[in-house]
N, C-alpha and C. Protein backbone atom coordinates (compact mmCIF):
# COMPACT_ATOMS: atom_id res chain seq x y z
N UNK A 1 -70.73 -48.02 19.58
CA UNK A 1 -70.25 -49.33 19.61
C UNK A 1 -69.49 -49.66 18.30
N UNK A 2 -68.34 -50.21 18.42
CA UNK A 2 -67.49 -50.52 17.25
C UNK A 2 -67.98 -51.80 16.59
N UNK A 3 -67.39 -52.10 15.48
CA UNK A 3 -67.76 -53.29 14.63
C UNK A 3 -67.48 -54.61 15.32
N UNK A 4 -66.46 -54.59 16.27
CA UNK A 4 -66.12 -55.81 16.99
C UNK A 4 -66.79 -55.92 18.36
N UNK A 5 -67.59 -54.96 18.75
CA UNK A 5 -68.26 -55.14 20.01
C UNK A 5 -69.52 -55.97 19.90
N UNK A 6 -69.91 -56.60 20.97
CA UNK A 6 -71.10 -57.44 21.02
C UNK A 6 -72.26 -56.72 21.66
N UNK A 7 -73.43 -57.07 21.32
CA UNK A 7 -74.64 -56.49 21.96
C UNK A 7 -74.72 -57.11 23.27
N UNK A 8 -75.18 -56.26 24.21
CA UNK A 8 -75.31 -56.71 25.62
C UNK A 8 -76.74 -56.56 26.08
N UNK A 9 -77.15 -57.50 26.92
CA UNK A 9 -78.52 -57.37 27.52
C UNK A 9 -78.43 -56.64 28.83
N UNK A 10 -79.32 -56.88 29.76
CA UNK A 10 -79.27 -56.25 31.08
C UNK A 10 -77.97 -56.76 31.81
N UNK A 11 -77.52 -55.85 32.58
CA UNK A 11 -76.32 -56.09 33.47
C UNK A 11 -75.09 -56.60 32.66
N UNK A 12 -74.97 -56.12 31.49
CA UNK A 12 -73.77 -56.41 30.69
C UNK A 12 -73.64 -57.82 30.12
N UNK A 13 -74.66 -58.67 30.31
CA UNK A 13 -74.63 -60.04 29.79
C UNK A 13 -75.25 -60.07 28.43
N UNK A 14 -74.86 -61.07 27.60
CA UNK A 14 -75.46 -61.14 26.26
C UNK A 14 -76.96 -61.42 26.43
N UNK A 15 -77.78 -61.02 25.48
CA UNK A 15 -79.24 -61.24 25.59
C UNK A 15 -79.53 -62.77 25.63
N UNK A 16 -80.56 -63.09 26.41
CA UNK A 16 -80.97 -64.52 26.50
C UNK A 16 -81.93 -64.88 25.43
N UNK A 17 -82.23 -66.15 25.35
CA UNK A 17 -83.23 -66.69 24.34
C UNK A 17 -84.57 -66.07 24.70
N UNK A 18 -85.46 -65.88 23.74
CA UNK A 18 -86.83 -65.37 24.08
C UNK A 18 -87.51 -66.43 25.01
N UNK A 19 -88.50 -65.92 25.73
CA UNK A 19 -89.13 -66.72 26.85
C UNK A 19 -89.70 -67.99 26.18
N UNK A 20 -90.41 -67.87 25.10
CA UNK A 20 -91.03 -69.10 24.51
C UNK A 20 -89.99 -70.17 24.14
N UNK A 21 -88.87 -69.75 23.62
CA UNK A 21 -87.83 -70.66 23.26
C UNK A 21 -87.26 -71.35 24.47
N UNK A 22 -87.08 -70.67 25.58
CA UNK A 22 -86.65 -71.22 26.82
C UNK A 22 -87.64 -72.24 27.36
N UNK A 23 -88.90 -71.81 27.30
CA UNK A 23 -90.02 -72.71 27.77
C UNK A 23 -90.06 -73.98 26.97
N UNK A 24 -89.95 -73.88 25.69
CA UNK A 24 -90.02 -75.06 24.80
C UNK A 24 -88.79 -75.95 25.06
N UNK A 25 -87.60 -75.38 25.28
CA UNK A 25 -86.42 -76.17 25.61
C UNK A 25 -86.57 -76.85 26.92
N UNK A 26 -87.22 -76.22 27.92
CA UNK A 26 -87.43 -76.79 29.20
C UNK A 26 -88.45 -77.95 29.07
N UNK A 27 -89.50 -77.79 28.28
CA UNK A 27 -90.53 -78.76 28.10
C UNK A 27 -89.91 -80.02 27.42
N UNK A 28 -89.05 -79.83 26.40
CA UNK A 28 -88.40 -80.91 25.68
C UNK A 28 -87.48 -81.66 26.67
N UNK A 29 -86.71 -80.98 27.50
CA UNK A 29 -85.81 -81.63 28.45
C UNK A 29 -86.68 -82.40 29.49
N UNK A 30 -87.75 -81.83 29.95
CA UNK A 30 -88.63 -82.50 30.92
C UNK A 30 -89.17 -83.81 30.32
N UNK A 31 -89.65 -83.72 29.10
CA UNK A 31 -90.25 -84.92 28.39
C UNK A 31 -89.18 -86.02 28.24
N UNK A 32 -87.93 -85.59 27.95
CA UNK A 32 -86.84 -86.49 27.75
C UNK A 32 -86.51 -87.20 29.07
N UNK A 33 -86.51 -86.48 30.21
CA UNK A 33 -86.24 -87.12 31.49
C UNK A 33 -87.30 -88.14 31.83
N UNK A 34 -88.60 -87.76 31.61
CA UNK A 34 -89.69 -88.71 31.92
C UNK A 34 -89.64 -89.91 30.98
N UNK A 35 -89.21 -89.82 29.78
CA UNK A 35 -89.01 -91.00 28.97
C UNK A 35 -87.94 -91.91 29.46
N UNK A 36 -86.86 -91.38 29.91
CA UNK A 36 -85.79 -92.16 30.44
C UNK A 36 -86.21 -92.85 31.74
N UNK A 37 -86.85 -92.18 32.61
CA UNK A 37 -87.31 -92.80 33.87
C UNK A 37 -88.38 -93.86 33.61
N UNK A 38 -89.33 -93.53 32.70
CA UNK A 38 -90.44 -94.43 32.37
C UNK A 38 -89.85 -95.76 31.89
N UNK A 39 -88.77 -95.70 31.14
CA UNK A 39 -88.19 -96.92 30.64
C UNK A 39 -87.67 -97.86 31.76
N UNK A 40 -87.52 -97.34 32.98
CA UNK A 40 -87.06 -98.21 34.11
C UNK A 40 -88.15 -98.68 34.95
N UNK A 41 -89.38 -98.17 34.85
CA UNK A 41 -90.46 -98.51 35.72
C UNK A 41 -90.78 -100.01 35.74
N UNK A 42 -90.97 -100.58 34.54
CA UNK A 42 -91.28 -101.99 34.44
C UNK A 42 -90.21 -102.91 35.04
N UNK A 43 -88.95 -102.54 34.68
CA UNK A 43 -87.84 -103.29 35.28
C UNK A 43 -87.78 -103.29 36.77
N UNK A 44 -88.01 -102.08 37.30
CA UNK A 44 -87.99 -101.95 38.77
C UNK A 44 -89.16 -102.76 39.38
N UNK A 45 -90.34 -102.70 38.75
CA UNK A 45 -91.42 -103.51 39.34
C UNK A 45 -91.12 -105.01 39.25
N UNK A 46 -90.49 -105.48 38.16
CA UNK A 46 -90.11 -106.88 38.12
C UNK A 46 -89.14 -107.25 39.28
N UNK A 47 -88.19 -106.34 39.49
CA UNK A 47 -87.12 -106.58 40.51
C UNK A 47 -87.78 -106.64 41.93
N UNK A 48 -88.83 -105.85 42.13
CA UNK A 48 -89.46 -105.79 43.43
C UNK A 48 -90.42 -107.00 43.67
N UNK A 49 -90.82 -107.61 42.59
CA UNK A 49 -91.74 -108.75 42.68
C UNK A 49 -93.16 -108.48 42.53
N UNK A 50 -94.02 -109.48 42.52
CA UNK A 50 -95.42 -109.44 42.25
C UNK A 50 -96.25 -108.67 43.32
N UNK A 51 -95.73 -108.44 44.42
CA UNK A 51 -96.43 -107.70 45.52
C UNK A 51 -96.16 -106.21 45.45
N UNK A 52 -95.54 -105.80 44.36
CA UNK A 52 -95.17 -104.33 44.24
C UNK A 52 -95.71 -103.73 42.95
N UNK A 53 -95.99 -102.42 43.02
CA UNK A 53 -96.38 -101.67 41.84
C UNK A 53 -95.57 -100.40 41.91
N UNK A 54 -94.97 -100.05 40.69
CA UNK A 54 -94.14 -98.83 40.59
C UNK A 54 -94.90 -97.89 39.71
N UNK A 55 -95.14 -96.66 40.20
CA UNK A 55 -95.90 -95.70 39.47
C UNK A 55 -95.11 -94.38 39.29
N UNK A 56 -94.97 -93.90 38.12
CA UNK A 56 -94.28 -92.68 37.87
C UNK A 56 -95.29 -91.56 37.55
N UNK A 57 -95.21 -90.49 38.33
CA UNK A 57 -96.22 -89.38 38.26
C UNK A 57 -95.45 -88.16 37.70
N UNK A 58 -96.21 -87.32 36.93
CA UNK A 58 -95.73 -85.97 36.58
C UNK A 58 -96.75 -85.05 37.28
N UNK A 59 -96.38 -84.49 38.37
CA UNK A 59 -97.27 -83.64 39.17
C UNK A 59 -97.63 -82.36 38.48
N UNK A 60 -97.03 -82.06 37.36
CA UNK A 60 -97.44 -80.87 36.59
C UNK A 60 -98.68 -81.23 35.77
N UNK A 61 -99.10 -82.47 35.78
CA UNK A 61 -100.28 -82.95 35.02
C UNK A 61 -101.44 -83.39 35.88
N UNK A 62 -101.51 -82.90 37.09
CA UNK A 62 -102.52 -83.30 38.07
C UNK A 62 -103.88 -82.78 37.44
N UNK A 63 -104.98 -83.54 37.47
CA UNK A 63 -105.17 -84.72 38.23
C UNK A 63 -104.73 -86.07 37.50
N UNK A 64 -104.55 -86.04 36.23
CA UNK A 64 -104.15 -87.26 35.55
C UNK A 64 -102.68 -87.36 35.42
N UNK A 65 -101.99 -87.58 36.50
CA UNK A 65 -100.56 -87.47 36.58
C UNK A 65 -99.79 -88.67 36.32
N UNK A 66 -100.36 -89.86 36.10
CA UNK A 66 -99.61 -91.05 35.99
C UNK A 66 -99.03 -91.08 34.51
N UNK A 67 -97.66 -91.31 34.51
CA UNK A 67 -96.91 -91.43 33.22
C UNK A 67 -96.72 -92.83 32.86
N UNK A 68 -96.36 -93.65 33.82
CA UNK A 68 -96.04 -95.08 33.57
C UNK A 68 -96.37 -95.91 34.84
N UNK A 69 -96.76 -97.22 34.58
CA UNK A 69 -97.03 -98.04 35.73
C UNK A 69 -96.29 -99.41 35.47
N UNK A 70 -95.67 -99.92 36.47
CA UNK A 70 -95.04 -101.22 36.36
C UNK A 70 -95.73 -102.09 37.42
N UNK A 71 -96.33 -103.25 37.05
CA UNK A 71 -97.06 -104.04 37.97
C UNK A 71 -98.56 -103.76 37.74
N UNK A 72 -99.45 -104.56 38.37
CA UNK A 72 -100.84 -104.40 38.15
C UNK A 72 -101.68 -104.54 39.39
N UNK A 73 -101.22 -104.02 40.47
CA UNK A 73 -101.94 -104.22 41.75
C UNK A 73 -103.27 -103.37 41.70
N UNK A 74 -103.16 -102.09 41.31
CA UNK A 74 -104.28 -101.27 41.34
C UNK A 74 -105.07 -101.15 40.09
N UNK A 75 -104.51 -101.64 39.01
CA UNK A 75 -105.19 -101.53 37.71
C UNK A 75 -105.08 -100.17 36.98
N UNK A 76 -104.30 -99.22 37.58
CA UNK A 76 -104.18 -97.97 36.99
C UNK A 76 -103.22 -98.02 35.82
N UNK A 77 -103.33 -97.06 34.88
CA UNK A 77 -102.42 -96.89 33.71
C UNK A 77 -102.07 -95.51 33.40
N UNK A 78 -101.30 -95.33 32.37
CA UNK A 78 -100.88 -93.89 32.05
C UNK A 78 -102.17 -93.09 31.78
N UNK A 79 -102.17 -91.82 32.26
CA UNK A 79 -103.23 -90.95 32.17
C UNK A 79 -104.25 -91.02 33.26
N UNK A 80 -104.04 -92.04 34.18
CA UNK A 80 -104.98 -92.14 35.29
C UNK A 80 -104.71 -91.11 36.37
N UNK A 81 -105.67 -90.89 37.22
CA UNK A 81 -105.35 -89.94 38.39
C UNK A 81 -104.52 -90.68 39.43
N UNK A 82 -103.92 -89.88 40.27
CA UNK A 82 -102.98 -90.50 41.32
C UNK A 82 -103.82 -91.36 42.29
N UNK A 83 -105.01 -90.95 42.61
CA UNK A 83 -105.92 -91.65 43.43
C UNK A 83 -107.37 -91.68 42.97
N UNK A 84 -108.17 -92.58 43.30
CA UNK A 84 -109.51 -92.59 42.86
C UNK A 84 -110.43 -91.73 43.80
């Protein structure tokens, strides 16, 4: 290889990030998405009225999958299980 050539991974592509770095980046992106959606939960519950409850779940965290709750029909909160 000459001085101006680049290292290549499998199939002629540049090497990818190490697995842990990719997993951490994915976890950070996932957390950011949940933060954005959670900020909408209370507003959506208010728009739907007092007879509605909006619950955001992260199914990767079962059994305690609730991330955010708007409204108070069931009395559940963040960290609660999806059902009793």
